[in-house]
PDB file of N, CA and C in Angstrom:
ATOM      1  N   UNK A   1     109.769 102.385  84.059  1.00  0.00           N
ATOM      2  CA  UNK A   1     109.635 101.974  85.445  1.00  0.00           C
ATOM      3  C   UNK A   1     108.170 101.757  85.752  1.00  0.00           C
ATOM      4  N   UNK A   2     107.923 101.061  86.826  1.00  0.00           N
ATOM      5  CA  UNK A   2     106.558 100.827  87.290  1.00  0.00           C
ATOM      6  C   UNK A   2     106.469 101.348  88.726  1.00  0.00           C
ATOM      7  N   UNK A   3     105.377 102.053  89.018  1.00  0.00           N
ATOM      8  CA  UNK A   3     105.162 102.579  90.361  1.00  0.00           C
ATOM      9  C   UNK A   3     103.951 101.886  90.954  1.00  0.00           C
ATOM     10  N   UNK A   4     104.029 101.573  92.233  1.00  0.00           N
ATOM     11  CA  UNK A   4     102.951 100.872  92.914  1.00  0.00           C
ATOM     12  C   UNK A   4     102.964 101.222  94.400  1.00  0.00           C
ATOM     13  N   UNK A   5     102.120 100.577  95.167  1.00  0.00           N
ATOM     14  CA  UNK A   5     102.114 100.785  96.609  1.00  0.00           C
ATOM     15  C   UNK A   5     100.999 101.671  97.111  1.00  0.00           C
ATOM     16  N   UNK A   6     100.052 102.038  96.245  1.00  0.00           N
ATOM     17  CA  UNK A   6      98.896 102.834  96.668  1.00  0.00           C
ATOM     18  C   UNK A   6      97.749 101.875  96.962  1.00  0.00           C
ATOM     19  N   UNK A   7      97.392 101.702  98.230  1.00  0.00           N
ATOM     20  CA  UNK A   7      96.323 100.759  98.563  1.00  0.00           C
ATOM     21  C   UNK A   7      94.955 101.146  97.991  1.00  0.00           C
ATOM     22  N   UNK A   8      94.780 102.405  97.591  1.00  0.00           N
ATOM     23  CA  UNK A   8      93.499 102.819  97.012  1.00  0.00           C
ATOM     24  C   UNK A   8      93.410 102.430  95.543  1.00  0.00           C
ATOM     25  N   UNK A   9      94.561 102.119  94.922  1.00  0.00           N
ATOM     26  CA  UNK A   9      94.580 101.753  93.510  1.00  0.00           C
ATOM     27  C   UNK A   9      94.477 102.937  92.563  1.00  0.00           C
ATOM     28  N   UNK A  10      94.522 104.146  93.075  1.00  0.00           N
ATOM     29  CA  UNK A  10      94.386 105.347  92.251  1.00  0.00           C
ATOM     30  C   UNK A  10      95.727 105.962  91.853  1.00  0.00           C
ATOM     31  N   UNK A  11      96.800 105.548  92.513  1.00  0.00           N
ATOM     32  CA  UNK A  11      98.120 106.088  92.210  1.00  0.00           C
ATOM     33  C   UNK A  11      98.421 107.414  92.865  1.00  0.00           C
ATOM     34  N   UNK A  12      97.561 107.861  93.754  1.00  0.00           N
ATOM     35  CA  UNK A  12      97.773 109.159  94.400  1.00  0.00           C
ATOM     36  C   UNK A  12      97.690 109.080  95.912  1.00  0.00           C
ATOM     37  N   UNK A  13      97.430 107.904  96.447  1.00  0.00           N
ATOM     38  CA  UNK A  13      97.202 107.791  97.885  1.00  0.00           C
ATOM     39  C   UNK A  13      98.205 106.904  98.579  1.00  0.00           C
ATOM     40  N   UNK A  14      97.865 106.569  99.788  1.00  0.00           N
ATOM     41  CA  UNK A  14      98.695 105.706 100.599  1.00  0.00           C
ATOM     42  C   UNK A  14      99.389 106.464 101.698  1.00  0.00           C
ATOM     43  N   UNK A  15      99.474 105.829 102.857  1.00  0.00           N
ATOM     44  CA  UNK A  15     100.168 106.405 104.001  1.00  0.00           C
ATOM     45  C   UNK A  15     101.298 105.480 104.404  1.00  0.00           C
ATOM     46  N   UNK A  16     102.261 106.013 105.098  1.00  0.00           N
ATOM     47  CA  UNK A  16     103.318 105.168 105.652  1.00  0.00           C
ATOM     48  C   UNK A  16     102.750 104.452 106.876  1.00  0.00           C
ATOM     49  N   UNK A  17     103.476 103.482 107.375  1.00  0.00           N
ATOM     50  CA  UNK A  17     103.012 102.775 108.572  1.00  0.00           C
ATOM     51  C   UNK A  17     103.005 103.680 109.795  1.00  0.00           C
ATOM     52  N   UNK A  18     103.659 104.826 109.708  1.00  0.00           N
ATOM     53  CA  UNK A  18     103.678 105.790 110.806  1.00  0.00           C
ATOM     54  C   UNK A  18     102.550 106.814 110.704  1.00  0.00           C
ATOM     55  N   UNK A  19     101.759 106.739 109.621  1.00  0.00           N
ATOM     56  CA  UNK A  19     100.642 107.654 109.462  1.00  0.00           C
ATOM     57  C   UNK A  19     101.025 109.037 108.969  1.00  0.00           C
ATOM     58  N   UNK A  20     102.273 109.226 108.646  1.00  0.00           N
ATOM     59  CA  UNK A  20     102.740 110.517 108.122  1.00  0.00           C
ATOM     60  C   UNK A  20     103.955 110.245 107.237  1.00  0.00           C
ATOM     61  N   UNK A  21     104.328 111.200 106.382  1.00  0.00           N
ATOM     62  CA  UNK A  21     105.515 111.010 105.545  1.00  0.00           C
ATOM     63  C   UNK A  21     106.768 110.816 106.395  1.00  0.00           C
ATOM     64  N   UNK A  22     107.720 110.061 105.859  1.00  0.00           N
ATOM     65  CA  UNK A  22     108.966 109.855 106.581  1.00  0.00           C
ATOM     66  C   UNK A  22     110.152 110.332 105.748  1.00  0.00           C
ATOM     67  N   UNK A  23     111.255 110.565 106.428  1.00  0.00           N
ATOM     68  CA  UNK A  23     112.432 111.161 105.800  1.00  0.00           C
ATOM     69  C   UNK A  23     113.140 110.191 104.853  1.00  0.00           C
ATOM     70  N   UNK A  24     113.856 110.770 103.923  1.00  0.00           N
ATOM     71  CA  UNK A  24     114.655 109.982 102.987  1.00  0.00           C
ATOM     72  C   UNK A  24     115.798 109.302 103.725  1.00  0.00           C
ATOM     73  N   UNK A  25     116.196 108.149 103.223  1.00  0.00           N
ATOM     74  CA  UNK A  25     117.352 107.421 103.746  1.00  0.00           C
ATOM     75  C   UNK A  25     118.273 107.144 102.559  1.00  0.00           C
ATOM     76  N   UNK A  26     118.813 108.185 102.014  1.00  0.00           N
ATOM     77  CA  UNK A  26     119.628 108.090 100.806  1.00  0.00           C
ATOM     78  C   UNK A  26     121.078 107.773 101.179  1.00  0.00           C
ATOM     79  N   UNK A  27     121.606 106.737 100.544  1.00  0.00           N
ATOM     80  CA  UNK A  27     122.994 106.327 100.738  1.00  0.00           C
ATOM     81  C   UNK A  27     123.753 106.569  99.436  1.00  0.00           C
ATOM     82  N   UNK A  28     124.842 107.297  99.472  1.00  0.00           N
ATOM     83  CA  UNK A  28     125.578 107.589  98.233  1.00  0.00           C
ATOM     84  C   UNK A  28     126.120 106.333  97.544  1.00  0.00           C
ATOM     85  N   UNK A  29     126.248 105.246  98.277  1.00  0.00           N
ATOM     86  CA  UNK A  29     126.758 104.009  97.678  1.00  0.00           C
ATOM     87  C   UNK A  29     125.685 103.227  96.920  1.00  0.00           C
ATOM     88  N   UNK A  30     124.410 103.577  97.127  1.00  0.00           N
ATOM     89  CA  UNK A  30     123.319 102.889  96.425  1.00  0.00           C
ATOM     90  C   UNK A  30     122.921 103.723  95.216  1.00  0.00           C
ATOM     91  N   UNK A  31     122.960 103.101  94.053  1.00  0.00           N
ATOM     92  CA  UNK A  31     122.723 103.809  92.793  1.00  0.00           C
ATOM     93  C   UNK A  31     121.669 103.094  91.952  1.00  0.00           C
ATOM     94  N   UNK A  32     121.063 103.853  91.055  1.00  0.00           N
ATOM     95  CA  UNK A  32     120.152 103.299  90.054  1.00  0.00           C
ATOM     96  C   UNK A  32     120.995 102.826  88.872  1.00  0.00           C
ATOM     97  N   UNK A  33     121.822 101.808  89.137  1.00  0.00           N
ATOM     98  CA  UNK A  33     122.800 101.374  88.153  1.00  0.00           C
ATOM     99  C   UNK A  33     122.474 100.029  87.503  1.00  0.00           C
ATOM    100  N   UNK A  34     121.240  99.561  87.695  1.00  0.00           N
ATOM    101  CA  UNK A  34     120.884  98.255  87.130  1.00  0.00           C
ATOM    102  C   UNK A  34     119.365  98.138  86.990  1.00  0.00           C
ATOM    103  N   UNK A  35     118.950  97.217  86.191  1.00  0.00           N
ATOM    104  CA  UNK A  35     117.527  96.870  86.069  1.00  0.00           C
ATOM    105  C   UNK A  35     117.066  96.269  87.394  1.00  0.00           C
ATOM    106  N   UNK A  36     115.867  96.647  87.831  1.00  0.00           N
ATOM    107  CA  UNK A  36     115.278  96.039  89.020  1.00  0.00           C
ATOM    108  C   UNK A  36     115.525  96.747  90.327  1.00  0.00           C
ATOM    109  N   UNK A  37     116.105  97.937  90.310  1.00  0.00           N
ATOM    110  CA  UNK A  37     116.312  98.689  91.555  1.00  0.00           C
ATOM    111  C   UNK A  37     114.949  99.132  92.077  1.00  0.00           C
ATOM    112  N   UNK A  38     114.719  98.946  93.395  1.00  0.00           N
ATOM    113  CA  UNK A  38     113.447  99.282  94.038  1.00  0.00           C
ATOM    114  C   UNK A  38     113.676 100.453  94.982  1.00  0.00           C
ATOM    115  N   UNK A  39     112.824 101.483  94.867  1.00  0.00           N
ATOM    116  CA  UNK A  39     113.009 102.694  95.668  1.00  0.00           C
ATOM    117  C   UNK A  39     111.657 103.302  96.034  1.00  0.00           C
ATOM    118  N   UNK A  40     111.678 104.134  97.049  1.00  0.00           N
ATOM    119  CA  UNK A  40     110.473 104.851  97.472  1.00  0.00           C
ATOM    120  C   UNK A  40     110.131 105.941  96.456  1.00  0.00           C
ATOM    121  N   UNK A  41     108.855 106.045  96.123  1.00  0.00           N
ATOM    122  CA  UNK A  41     108.368 107.156  95.306  1.00  0.00           C
ATOM    123  C   UNK A  41     108.049 108.301  96.270  1.00  0.00           C
ATOM    124  N   UNK A  42     108.214 109.524  95.814  1.00  0.00           N
ATOM    125  CA  UNK A  42     107.902 110.653  96.691  1.00  0.00           C
ATOM    126  C   UNK A  42     107.528 111.870  95.850  1.00  0.00           C
ATOM    127  N   UNK A  43     107.125 112.925  96.533  1.00  0.00           N
ATOM    128  CA  UNK A  43     106.781 114.164  95.838  1.00  0.00           C
ATOM    129  C   UNK A  43     107.769 115.272  96.185  1.00  0.00           C
ATOM    130  N   UNK A  44     108.945 114.880  96.628  1.00  0.00           N
ATOM    131  CA  UNK A  44     109.986 115.817  97.022  1.00  0.00           C
ATOM    132  C   UNK A  44     110.741 115.261  98.217  1.00  0.00           C
ATOM    133  N   UNK A  45     111.751 115.958  98.675  1.00  0.00           N
ATOM    134  CA  UNK A  45     112.537 115.465  99.807  1.00  0.00           C
ATOM    135  C   UNK A  45     111.682 115.181 101.042  1.00  0.00           C
ATOM    136  N   UNK A  46     111.948 114.039 101.669  1.00  0.00           N
ATOM    137  CA  UNK A  46     111.329 113.651 102.940  1.00  0.00           C
ATOM    138  C   UNK A  46     109.809 113.534 102.882  1.00  0.00           C
ATOM    139  N   UNK A  47     109.272 113.068 101.751  1.00  0.00           N
ATOM    140  CA  UNK A  47     107.818 112.909 101.599  1.00  0.00           C
ATOM    141  C   UNK A  47     107.424 111.466 101.303  1.00  0.00           C
ATOM    142  N   UNK A  48     108.214 110.498 101.746  1.00  0.00           N
ATOM    143  CA  UNK A  48     107.924 109.089 101.506  1.00  0.00           C
ATOM    144  C   UNK A  48     106.674 108.650 102.255  1.00  0.00           C
ATOM    145  N   UNK A  49     105.840 107.877 101.572  1.00  0.00           N
ATOM    146  CA  UNK A  49     104.632 107.309 102.202  1.00  0.00           C
ATOM    147  C   UNK A  49     104.619 105.821 101.928  1.00  0.00           C
ATOM    148  N   UNK A  50     103.688 105.334 101.104  1.00  0.00           N
ATOM    149  CA  UNK A  50     103.608 103.894 100.845  1.00  0.00           C
ATOM    150  C   UNK A  50     104.039 103.508  99.439  1.00  0.00           C
ATOM    151  N   UNK A  51     104.099 104.448  98.532  1.00  0.00           N
ATOM    152  CA  UNK A  51     104.372 104.099  97.145  1.00  0.00           C
ATOM    153  C   UNK A  51     105.859 103.908  96.870  1.00  0.00           C
ATOM    154  N   UNK A  52     106.126 102.991  95.962  1.00  0.00           N
ATOM    155  CA  UNK A  52     107.498 102.707  95.564  1.00  0.00           C
ATOM    156  C   UNK A  52     107.529 102.413  94.071  1.00  0.00           C
ATOM    157  N   UNK A  53     108.727 102.355  93.508  1.00  0.00           N
ATOM    158  CA  UNK A  53     108.838 102.050  92.089  1.00  0.00           C
ATOM    159  C   UNK A  53     109.985 101.090  91.842  1.00  0.00           C
ATOM    160  N   UNK A  54     109.888 100.416  90.703  1.00  0.00           N
ATOM    161  CA  UNK A  54     110.922  99.483  90.256  1.00  0.00           C
ATOM    162  C   UNK A  54     111.421  99.999  88.912  1.00  0.00           C
ATOM    163  N   UNK A  55     112.712 100.215  88.811  1.00  0.00           N
ATOM    164  CA  UNK A  55     113.302 100.712  87.567  1.00  0.00           C
ATOM    165  C   UNK A  55     113.500  99.556  86.590  1.00  0.00           C
ATOM    166  N   UNK A  56     113.085  99.756  85.348  1.00  0.00           N
ATOM    167  CA  UNK A  56     113.278  98.748  84.308  1.00  0.00           C
ATOM    168  C   UNK A  56     114.677  98.793  83.710  1.00  0.00           C
ATOM    169  N   UNK A  57     115.409  99.883  83.975  1.00  0.00           N
ATOM    170  CA  UNK A  57     116.759 100.033  83.421  1.00  0.00           C
ATOM    171  C   UNK A  57     117.545 100.989  84.315  1.00  0.00           C
ATOM    172  N   UNK A  58     118.807 101.189  83.996  1.00  0.00           N
ATOM    173  CA  UNK A  58     119.631 102.151  84.729  1.00  0.00           C
ATOM    174  C   UNK A  58     118.963 103.526  84.662  1.00  0.00           C
ATOM    175  N   UNK A  59     118.987 104.263  85.767  1.00  0.00           N
ATOM    176  CA  UNK A  59     118.394 105.607  85.834  1.00  0.00           C
ATOM    177  C   UNK A  59     119.324 106.520  86.646  1.00  0.00           C
ATOM    178  N   UNK A  60     120.523 106.804  86.167  1.00  0.00           N
ATOM    179  CA  UNK A  60     121.487 107.564  86.969  1.00  0.00           C
ATOM    180  C   UNK A  60     121.012 108.962  87.364  1.00  0.00           C
ATOM    181  N   UNK A  61     120.094 109.544  86.607  1.00  0.00           N
ATOM    182  CA  UNK A  61     119.586 110.879  86.960  1.00  0.00           C
ATOM    183  C   UNK A  61     118.758 110.862  88.249  1.00  0.00           C
ATOM    184  N   UNK A  62     118.399 109.664  88.732  1.00  0.00           N
ATOM    185  CA  UNK A  62     117.627 109.547  89.973  1.00  0.00           C
ATOM    186  C   UNK A  62     118.516 109.353  91.213  1.00  0.00           C
ATOM    187  N   UNK A  63     119.802 109.126  90.998  1.00  0.00           N
ATOM    188  CA  UNK A  63     120.723 108.921  92.122  1.00  0.00           C
ATOM    189  C   UNK A  63     120.659 110.091  93.088  1.00  0.00           C
ATOM    190  N   UNK A  64     120.582 109.775  94.373  1.00  0.00           N
ATOM    191  CA  UNK A  64     120.575 110.802  95.409  1.00  0.00           C
ATOM    192  C   UNK A  64     119.241 111.486  95.618  1.00  0.00           C
ATOM    193  N   UNK A  65     118.200 111.056  94.904  1.00  0.00           N
ATOM    194  CA  UNK A  65     116.890 111.705  95.025  1.00  0.00           C
ATOM    195  C   UNK A  65     115.823 110.811  95.635  1.00  0.00           C
ATOM    196  N   UNK A  66     116.049 109.505  95.630  1.00  0.00           N
ATOM    197  CA  UNK A  66     115.052 108.555  96.115  1.00  0.00           C
ATOM    198  C   UNK A  66     115.718 107.511  96.996  1.00  0.00           C
ATOM    199  N   UNK A  67     115.003 107.055  98.017  1.00  0.00           N
ATOM    200  CA  UNK A  67     115.514 106.048  98.928  1.00  0.00           C
ATOM    201  C   UNK A  67     115.450 104.676  98.278  1.00  0.00           C
ATOM    202  N   UNK A  68     116.601 104.117  97.967  1.00  0.00           N
ATOM    203  CA  UNK A  68     116.686 102.768  97.394  1.00  0.00           C
ATOM    204  C   UNK A  68     116.633 101.776  98.548  1.00  0.00           C
ATOM    205  N   UNK A  69     115.759 100.770  98.415  1.00  0.00           N
ATOM    206  CA  UNK A  69     115.684  99.782  99.485  1.00  0.00           C
ATOM    207  C   UNK A  69     115.717  98.343  98.999  1.00  0.00           C
ATOM    208  N   UNK A  70     115.911  98.122  97.729  1.00  0.00           N
ATOM    209  CA  UNK A  70     115.983  96.746  97.272  1.00  0.00           C
ATOM    210  C   UNK A  70     116.332  96.630  95.811  1.00  0.00           C
ATOM    211  N   UNK A  71     116.421  95.377  95.382  1.00  0.00           N
ATOM    212  CA  UNK A  71     116.685  95.063  93.986  1.00  0.00           C
ATOM    213  C   UNK A  71     116.000  93.742  93.666  1.00  0.00           C
ATOM    214  N   UNK A  72     115.308  93.693  92.548  1.00  0.00           N
ATOM    215  CA  UNK A  72     114.684  92.452  92.108  1.00  0.00           C
ATOM    216  C   UNK A  72     115.795  91.542  91.604  1.00  0.00           C
ATOM    217  N   UNK A  73     115.874  90.334  92.176  1.00  0.00           N
ATOM    218  CA  UNK A  73     116.899  89.398  91.710  1.00  0.00           C
ATOM    219  C   UNK A  73     116.258  88.120  91.163  1.00  0.00           C
ATOM    220  N   UNK A  74     115.423  87.447  91.933  1.00  0.00           N
ATOM    221  CA  UNK A  74     114.714  86.285  91.413  1.00  0.00           C
ATOM    222  C   UNK A  74     113.563  86.768  90.556  1.00  0.00           C
ATOM    223  N   UNK A  75     113.477  86.321  89.327  1.00  0.00           N
ATOM    224  CA  UNK A  75     112.419  86.750  88.431  1.00  0.00           C
ATOM    225  C   UNK A  75     112.687  88.088  87.792  1.00  0.00           C
ATOM    226  N   UNK A  76     113.899  88.576  87.921  1.00  0.00           N
ATOM    227  CA  UNK A  76     114.218  89.897  87.370  1.00  0.00           C
ATOM    228  C   UNK A  76     113.916  89.956  85.880  1.00  0.00           C
ATOM    229  N   UNK A  77     114.220  88.900  85.176  1.00  0.00           N
ATOM    230  CA  UNK A  77     113.939  88.897  83.736  1.00  0.00           C
ATOM    231  C   UNK A  77     112.478  88.607  83.461  1.00  0.00           C
ATOM    232  N   UNK A  78     111.971  87.497  83.946  1.00  0.00           N
ATOM    233  CA  UNK A  78     110.604  87.107  83.595  1.00  0.00           C
ATOM    234  C   UNK A  78     109.549  88.046  84.181  1.00  0.00           C
ATOM    235  N   UNK A  79     109.661  88.384  85.443  1.00  0.00           N
ATOM    236  CA  UNK A  79     108.653  89.231  86.087  1.00  0.00           C
ATOM    237  C   UNK A  79     108.694  90.652  85.541  1.00  0.00           C
ATOM    238  N   UNK A  80     109.880  91.250  85.493  1.00  0.00           N
ATOM    239  CA  UNK A  80     109.980  92.620  84.992  1.00  0.00           C
ATOM    240  C   UNK A  80     109.615  92.688  83.510  1.00  0.00           C
ATOM    241  N   UNK A  81     110.018  91.692  82.740  1.00  0.00           N
ATOM    242  CA  UNK A  81     109.648  91.659  81.319  1.00  0.00           C
ATOM    243  C   UNK A  81     108.136  91.642  81.159  1.00  0.00           C
ATOM    244  N   UNK A  82     107.460  90.794  81.960  1.00  0.00           N
ATOM    245  CA  UNK A  82     106.000  90.692  81.872  1.00  0.00           C
ATOM    246  C   UNK A  82     105.334  92.010  82.271  1.00  0.00           C
ATOM    247  N   UNK A  83     105.821  92.644  83.330  1.00  0.00           N
ATOM    248  CA  UNK A  83     105.248  93.913  83.772  1.00  0.00           C
ATOM    249  C   UNK A  83     105.465  94.996  82.721  1.00  0.00           C
ATOM    250  N   UNK A  84     106.629  94.999  82.131  1.00  0.00           N
ATOM    251  CA  UNK A  84     106.980  96.022  81.141  1.00  0.00           C
ATOM    252  C   UNK A  84     106.130  95.914  79.879  1.00  0.00           C
ATOM    253  N   UNK A  85     105.638  94.708  79.589  1.00  0.00           N
ATOM    254  CA  UNK A  85     104.857  94.477  78.372  1.00  0.00           C
ATOM    255  C   UNK A  85     103.359  94.747  78.538  1.00  0.00           C
ATOM    256  N   UNK A  86     102.904  95.030  79.760  1.00  0.00           N
ATOM    257  CA  UNK A  86     101.486  95.296  79.983  1.00  0.00           C
ATOM    258  C   UNK A  86     101.099  96.585  79.259  1.00  0.00           C
ATOM    259  N   UNK A  87     100.060  96.539  78.412  1.00  0.00           N
ATOM    260  CA  UNK A  87      99.620  97.763  77.725  1.00  0.00           C
ATOM    261  C   UNK A  87      99.171  98.821  78.736  1.00  0.00           C
ATOM    262  N   UNK A  88      99.428 100.088  78.409  1.00  0.00           N
ATOM    263  CA  UNK A  88      99.096 101.193  79.303  1.00  0.00           C
ATOM    264  C   UNK A  88      98.225 102.232  78.604  1.00  0.00           C
ATOM    265  N   UNK A  89      97.580 103.068  79.411  1.00  0.00           N
ATOM    266  CA  UNK A  89      96.772 104.171  78.893  1.00  0.00           C
ATOM    267  C   UNK A  89      97.686 105.306  78.461  1.00  0.00           C
ATOM    268  N   UNK A  90      97.096 106.376  77.949  1.00  0.00           N
ATOM    269  CA  UNK A  90      97.898 107.545  77.570  1.00  0.00           C
ATOM    270  C   UNK A  90      98.516 108.241  78.789  1.00  0.00           C
ATOM    271  N   UNK A  91      98.073 107.878  80.003  1.00  0.00           N
ATOM    272  CA  UNK A  91      98.673 108.406  81.239  1.00  0.00           C
ATOM    273  C   UNK A  91      99.626 107.387  81.865  1.00  0.00           C
ATOM    274  N   UNK A  92      99.997 106.386  81.077  1.00  0.00           N
ATOM    275  CA  UNK A  92     100.930 105.334  81.514  1.00  0.00           C
ATOM    276  C   UNK A  92     100.426 104.496  82.676  1.00  0.00           C
ATOM    277  N   UNK A  93      99.123 104.343  82.775  1.00  0.00           N
ATOM    278  CA  UNK A  93      98.545 103.440  83.782  1.00  0.00           C
ATOM    279  C   UNK A  93      98.205 102.126  83.089  1.00  0.00           C
ATOM    280  N   UNK A  94      98.486 100.992  83.732  1.00  0.00           N
ATOM    281  CA  UNK A  94      98.237  99.709  83.076  1.00  0.00           C
ATOM    282  C   UNK A  94      96.748  99.498  82.777  1.00  0.00           C
ATOM    283  N   UNK A  95      96.466  98.904  81.612  1.00  0.00           N
ATOM    284  CA  UNK A  95      95.085  98.597  81.247  1.00  0.00           C
ATOM    285  C   UNK A  95      94.545  97.441  82.075  1.00  0.00           C
ATOM    286  N   UNK A  96      95.421  96.560  82.532  1.00  0.00           N
ATOM    287  CA  UNK A  96      95.009  95.470  83.423  1.00  0.00           C
ATOM    288  C   UNK A  96      95.855  95.554  84.697  1.00  0.00           C
ATOM    289  N   UNK A  97      95.238  95.164  85.795  1.00  0.00           N
ATOM    290  CA  UNK A  97      95.900  95.274  87.097  1.00  0.00           C
ATOM    291  C   UNK A  97      97.147  94.383  87.161  1.00  0.00           C
ATOM    292  N   UNK A  98      98.190  94.929  87.738  1.00  0.00           N
ATOM    293  CA  UNK A  98      99.408  94.172  88.011  1.00  0.00           C
ATOM    294  C   UNK A  98      99.472  93.994  89.522  1.00  0.00           C
ATOM    295  N   UNK A  99      99.605  92.749  89.981  1.00  0.00           N
ATOM    296  CA  UNK A  99      99.691  92.498  91.418  1.00  0.00           C
ATOM    297  C   UNK A  99     100.966  91.744  91.745  1.00  0.00           C
ATOM    298  N   UNK A 100     101.687  92.255  92.715  1.00  0.00           N
ATOM    299  CA  UNK A 100     102.798  91.507  93.288  1.00  0.00           C
ATOM    300  C   UNK A 100     102.187  90.672  94.405  1.00  0.00           C
ATOM    301  N   UNK A 101     102.175  89.375  94.245  1.00  0.00           N
ATOM    302  CA  UNK A 101     101.492  88.514  95.220  1.00  0.00           C
ATOM    303  C   UNK A 101     102.390  88.041  96.345  1.00  0.00           C
ATOM    304  N   UNK A 102     103.702  88.038  96.109  1.00  0.00           N
ATOM    305  CA  UNK A 102     104.625  87.667  97.183  1.00  0.00           C
ATOM    306  C   UNK A 102     106.039  88.119  96.820  1.00  0.00           C
ATOM    307  N   UNK A 103     106.822  88.294  97.854  1.00  0.00           N
ATOM    308  CA  UNK A 103     108.238  88.635  97.666  1.00  0.00           C
ATOM    309  C   UNK A 103     109.060  87.805  98.640  1.00  0.00           C
ATOM    310  N   UNK A 104     110.314  87.678  98.353  1.00  0.00           N
ATOM    311  CA  UNK A 104     111.270  87.051  99.266  1.00  0.00           C
ATOM    312  C   UNK A 104     112.428  88.018  99.411  1.00  0.00           C
ATOM    313  N   UNK A 105     112.796  88.314 100.630  1.00  0.00           N
ATOM    314  CA  UNK A 105     113.930  89.195 100.873  1.00  0.00           C
ATOM    315  C   UNK A 105     115.161  88.311 101.037  1.00  0.00           C
ATOM    316  N   UNK A 106     116.141  88.510 100.153  1.00  0.00           N
ATOM    317  CA  UNK A 106     117.346  87.692 100.159  1.00  0.00           C
ATOM    318  C   UNK A 106     118.527  88.354 100.841  1.00  0.00           C
ATOM    319  N   UNK A 107     118.595  89.676 100.805  1.00  0.00           N
ATOM    320  CA  UNK A 107     119.779  90.354 101.314  1.00  0.00           C
ATOM    321  C   UNK A 107     119.440  91.772 101.711  1.00  0.00           C
ATOM    322  N   UNK A 108     120.328  92.381 102.448  1.00  0.00           N
ATOM    323  CA  UNK A 108     120.192  93.766 102.858  1.00  0.00           C
ATOM    324  C   UNK A 108     121.056  94.607 101.919  1.00  0.00           C
ATOM    325  N   UNK A 109     120.451  95.379 100.992  1.00  0.00           N
ATOM    326  CA  UNK A 109     121.259  96.119 100.012  1.00  0.00           C
ATOM    327  C   UNK A 109     122.146  97.186 100.643  1.00  0.00           C
ATOM    328  N   UNK A 110     121.745  97.729 101.771  1.00  0.00           N
ATOM    329  CA  UNK A 110     122.568  98.737 102.431  1.00  0.00           C
ATOM    330  C   UNK A 110     123.835  98.082 102.982  1.00  0.00           C
ATOM    331  N   UNK A 111     123.669  96.926 103.603  1.00  0.00           N
ATOM    332  CA  UNK A 111     124.834  96.210 104.122  1.00  0.00           C
ATOM    333  C   UNK A 111     125.738  95.771 102.973  1.00  0.00           C
ATOM    334  N   UNK A 112     125.149  95.297 101.872  1.00  0.00           N
ATOM    335  CA  UNK A 112     125.933  94.884 100.711  1.00  0.00           C
ATOM    336  C   UNK A 112     126.747  96.054 100.160  1.00  0.00           C
ATOM    337  N   UNK A 113     126.131  97.223 100.051  1.00  0.00           N
ATOM    338  CA  UNK A 113     126.827  98.398  99.531  1.00  0.00           C
ATOM    339  C   UNK A 113     127.941  98.838 100.471  1.00  0.00           C
ATOM    340  N   UNK A 114     127.704  98.746 101.777  1.00  0.00           N
ATOM    341  CA  UNK A 114     128.734  99.119 102.735  1.00  0.00           C
ATOM    342  C   UNK A 114     129.934  98.181 102.633  1.00  0.00           C
ATOM    343  N   UNK A 115     129.667  96.901 102.467  1.00  0.00           N
ATOM    344  CA  UNK A 115     130.761  95.944 102.309  1.00  0.00           C
ATOM    345  C   UNK A 115     131.545  96.218 101.035  1.00  0.00           C
ATOM    346  N   UNK A 116     130.831  96.500  99.953  1.00  0.00           N
ATOM    347  CA  UNK A 116     131.494  96.762  98.668  1.00  0.00           C
ATOM    348  C   UNK A 116     132.369  98.006  98.745  1.00  0.00           C
ATOM    349  N   UNK A 117     131.924  99.026  99.477  1.00  0.00           N
ATOM    350  CA  UNK A 117     132.698 100.262  99.554  1.00  0.00           C
ATOM    351  C   UNK A 117     133.974 100.094 100.389  1.00  0.00           C
ATOM    352  N   UNK A 118     134.044  99.048 101.214  1.00  0.00           N
ATOM    353  CA  UNK A 118     135.232  98.813 102.054  1.00  0.00           C
ATOM    354  C   UNK A 118     136.275  97.978 101.332  1.00  0.00           C
ATOM    355  N   UNK A 119     135.937  97.458 100.170  1.00  0.00           N
ATOM    356  CA  UNK A 119     136.892  96.610  99.423  1.00  0.00           C
ATOM    357  C   UNK A 119     137.904  97.416  98.696  1.00  0.00           C
TER     358      UNK A 119
END
């Protein structure tokens, strides 16, 4: 997986837009069941700030522990493949900067999961 969202670039900082940590919004219908799931990084329950991560593969052991808020769909193969191939240090930090320059929001994953659970 890749973690990002620290405006300081150090991997330890960042605040939420509210200036303080915010509570988890965990939905039992949203799972780490595919490549490209996007979720908030945290240091324990209800400690979300600005950092988030993208899973490179299924991660079922993370279900119910992190707020899932999206899924990479366009560029899932090319973009994630390129990010995954970036050489890293012994602390798993990339040797060269990775920047997400733009995103497009296509759907609401919470609404999609709610619809799927009603079928």
